[in-house]
């Protein structure tokens, strides 16, 4: 007995869309304190650097480690403050 089926049809020779660029990151945070765990608490894959136009070989960093809070703060507008949220 067939319970279900799934199929996709496309015309032969149809050009497929370009695969999207996906970035991933890992951020280690202490459950107890809510603070970063270690200097390399945030790690990015190569695509995330490409998406944000950041050079992965930064003079102050020899790996994909990034302090996540500093990175997130860099997107905050200069006029924004926690009290304005």
C-alpha atoms as a PDB file:
ATOM      1  CA  UNK A   1       0.000   0.000   0.000  1.00  0.00           C
ATOM      2  CA  UNK A   2       1.359   3.425  -0.967  1.00  0.00           C
ATOM      3  CA  UNK A   3       0.903   5.958   1.826  1.00  0.00           C
ATOM      4  CA  UNK A   4       2.343   8.967   0.054  1.00  0.00           C
ATOM      5  CA  UNK A   5       4.544  10.098  -2.793  1.00  0.00           C
ATOM      6  CA  UNK A   6       6.456  13.252  -3.583  1.00  0.00           C
ATOM      7  CA  UNK A   7       7.966  14.292  -6.890  1.00  0.00           C
ATOM      8  CA  UNK A   8       9.304  17.303  -8.708  1.00  0.00           C
ATOM      9  CA  UNK A   9       9.181  17.711 -12.477  1.00  0.00           C
ATOM     10  CA  UNK A  10      11.332  20.114 -14.433  1.00  0.00           C
ATOM     11  CA  UNK A  11      11.976  20.478 -18.136  1.00  0.00           C
ATOM     12  CA  UNK A  12      15.228  18.890 -19.364  1.00  0.00           C
ATOM     13  CA  UNK A  13      17.931  21.511 -19.847  1.00  0.00           C
ATOM     14  CA  UNK A  14      16.284  24.000 -17.494  1.00  0.00           C
ATOM     15  CA  UNK A  15      19.012  25.907 -15.676  1.00  0.00           C
ATOM     16  CA  UNK A  16      18.837  25.417 -11.933  1.00  0.00           C
ATOM     17  CA  UNK A  17      18.958  28.396  -9.620  1.00  0.00           C
ATOM     18  CA  UNK A  18      22.292  29.163  -8.001  1.00  0.00           C
ATOM     19  CA  UNK A  19      22.691  27.550  -4.606  1.00  0.00           C
ATOM     20  CA  UNK A  20      22.185  30.160  -1.865  1.00  0.00           C
ATOM     21  CA  UNK A  21      25.121  31.161   0.326  1.00  0.00           C
ATOM     22  CA  UNK A  22      24.416  30.030   3.879  1.00  0.00           C
ATOM     23  CA  UNK A  23      26.510  30.972   6.873  1.00  0.00           C
ATOM     24  CA  UNK A  24      26.638  29.345  10.275  1.00  0.00           C
ATOM     25  CA  UNK A  25      28.036  30.324  13.625  1.00  0.00           C
ATOM     26  CA  UNK A  26      28.427  28.859  17.050  1.00  0.00           C
ATOM     27  CA  UNK A  27      28.254  30.977  20.190  1.00  0.00           C
ATOM     28  CA  UNK A  28      29.124  29.462  23.549  1.00  0.00           C
ATOM     29  CA  UNK A  29      27.417  31.213  26.451  1.00  0.00           C
ATOM     30  CA  UNK A  30      27.391  30.251  30.126  1.00  0.00           C
ATOM     31  CA  UNK A  31      23.923  29.228  31.306  1.00  0.00           C
ATOM     32  CA  UNK A  32      24.768  30.481  34.794  1.00  0.00           C
ATOM     33  CA  UNK A  33      26.107  33.948  33.924  1.00  0.00           C
ATOM     34  CA  UNK A  34      24.930  34.596  30.361  1.00  0.00           C
ATOM     35  CA  UNK A  35      28.488  35.630  29.423  1.00  0.00           C
ATOM     36  CA  UNK A  36      30.753  34.361  26.651  1.00  0.00           C
ATOM     37  CA  UNK A  37      32.689  31.198  27.438  1.00  0.00           C
ATOM     38  CA  UNK A  38      36.347  31.753  26.507  1.00  0.00           C
ATOM     39  CA  UNK A  39      38.088  34.037  24.039  1.00  0.00           C
ATOM     40  CA  UNK A  40      36.909  31.924  21.102  1.00  0.00           C
ATOM     41  CA  UNK A  41      33.291  31.745  22.239  1.00  0.00           C
ATOM     42  CA  UNK A  42      32.023  32.567  18.745  1.00  0.00           C
ATOM     43  CA  UNK A  43      33.095  30.663  15.644  1.00  0.00           C
ATOM     44  CA  UNK A  44      32.035  31.441  12.067  1.00  0.00           C
ATOM     45  CA  UNK A  45      32.174  29.279   8.984  1.00  0.00           C
ATOM     46  CA  UNK A  46      33.770  30.646   5.796  1.00  0.00           C
ATOM     47  CA  UNK A  47      30.432  31.626   4.219  1.00  0.00           C
ATOM     48  CA  UNK A  48      29.456  33.908   7.099  1.00  0.00           C
ATOM     49  CA  UNK A  49      32.596  35.985   6.527  1.00  0.00           C
ATOM     50  CA  UNK A  50      31.632  36.261   2.827  1.00  0.00           C
ATOM     51  CA  UNK A  51      28.031  37.275   3.600  1.00  0.00           C
ATOM     52  CA  UNK A  52      29.123  40.160   5.848  1.00  0.00           C
ATOM     53  CA  UNK A  53      32.150  41.115   3.742  1.00  0.00           C
ATOM     54  CA  UNK A  54      34.606  40.551   6.575  1.00  0.00           C
ATOM     55  CA  UNK A  55      38.140  39.339   5.924  1.00  0.00           C
ATOM     56  CA  UNK A  56      38.525  36.013   7.765  1.00  0.00           C
ATOM     57  CA  UNK A  57      42.269  36.635   8.124  1.00  0.00           C
ATOM     58  CA  UNK A  58      42.053  39.684  10.369  1.00  0.00           C
ATOM     59  CA  UNK A  59      45.387  40.920  11.790  1.00  0.00           C
ATOM     60  CA  UNK A  60      44.177  40.408  15.358  1.00  0.00           C
ATOM     61  CA  UNK A  61      42.704  36.941  14.742  1.00  0.00           C
ATOM     62  CA  UNK A  62      44.413  33.838  13.399  1.00  0.00           C
ATOM     63  CA  UNK A  63      41.263  31.679  13.312  1.00  0.00           C
ATOM     64  CA  UNK A  64      37.522  31.870  12.713  1.00  0.00           C
ATOM     65  CA  UNK A  65      37.007  32.853  16.346  1.00  0.00           C
ATOM     66  CA  UNK A  66      35.176  36.119  16.902  1.00  0.00           C
ATOM     67  CA  UNK A  67      33.826  37.675  20.089  1.00  0.00           C
ATOM     68  CA  UNK A  68      30.105  37.505  19.333  1.00  0.00           C
ATOM     69  CA  UNK A  69      29.089  40.427  21.518  1.00  0.00           C
ATOM     70  CA  UNK A  70      31.567  42.743  19.791  1.00  0.00           C
ATOM     71  CA  UNK A  71      30.363  41.629  16.376  1.00  0.00           C
ATOM     72  CA  UNK A  72      26.711  42.172  17.278  1.00  0.00           C
ATOM     73  CA  UNK A  73      27.502  45.582  18.774  1.00  0.00           C
ATOM     74  CA  UNK A  74      29.168  46.636  15.504  1.00  0.00           C
ATOM     75  CA  UNK A  75      25.731  46.588  13.840  1.00  0.00           C
ATOM     76  CA  UNK A  76      24.220  48.913  16.434  1.00  0.00           C
ATOM     77  CA  UNK A  77      23.655  52.425  15.144  1.00  0.00           C
ATOM     78  CA  UNK A  78      25.783  55.039  16.882  1.00  0.00           C
ATOM     79  CA  UNK A  79      22.645  56.824  18.112  1.00  0.00           C
ATOM     80  CA  UNK A  80      21.188  53.692  19.677  1.00  0.00           C
ATOM     81  CA  UNK A  81      21.622  53.019  23.346  1.00  0.00           C
ATOM     82  CA  UNK A  82      20.092  50.303  25.530  1.00  0.00           C
ATOM     83  CA  UNK A  83      17.761  52.937  27.005  1.00  0.00           C
ATOM     84  CA  UNK A  84      16.407  53.758  23.509  1.00  0.00           C
ATOM     85  CA  UNK A  85      15.345  50.139  22.879  1.00  0.00           C
END
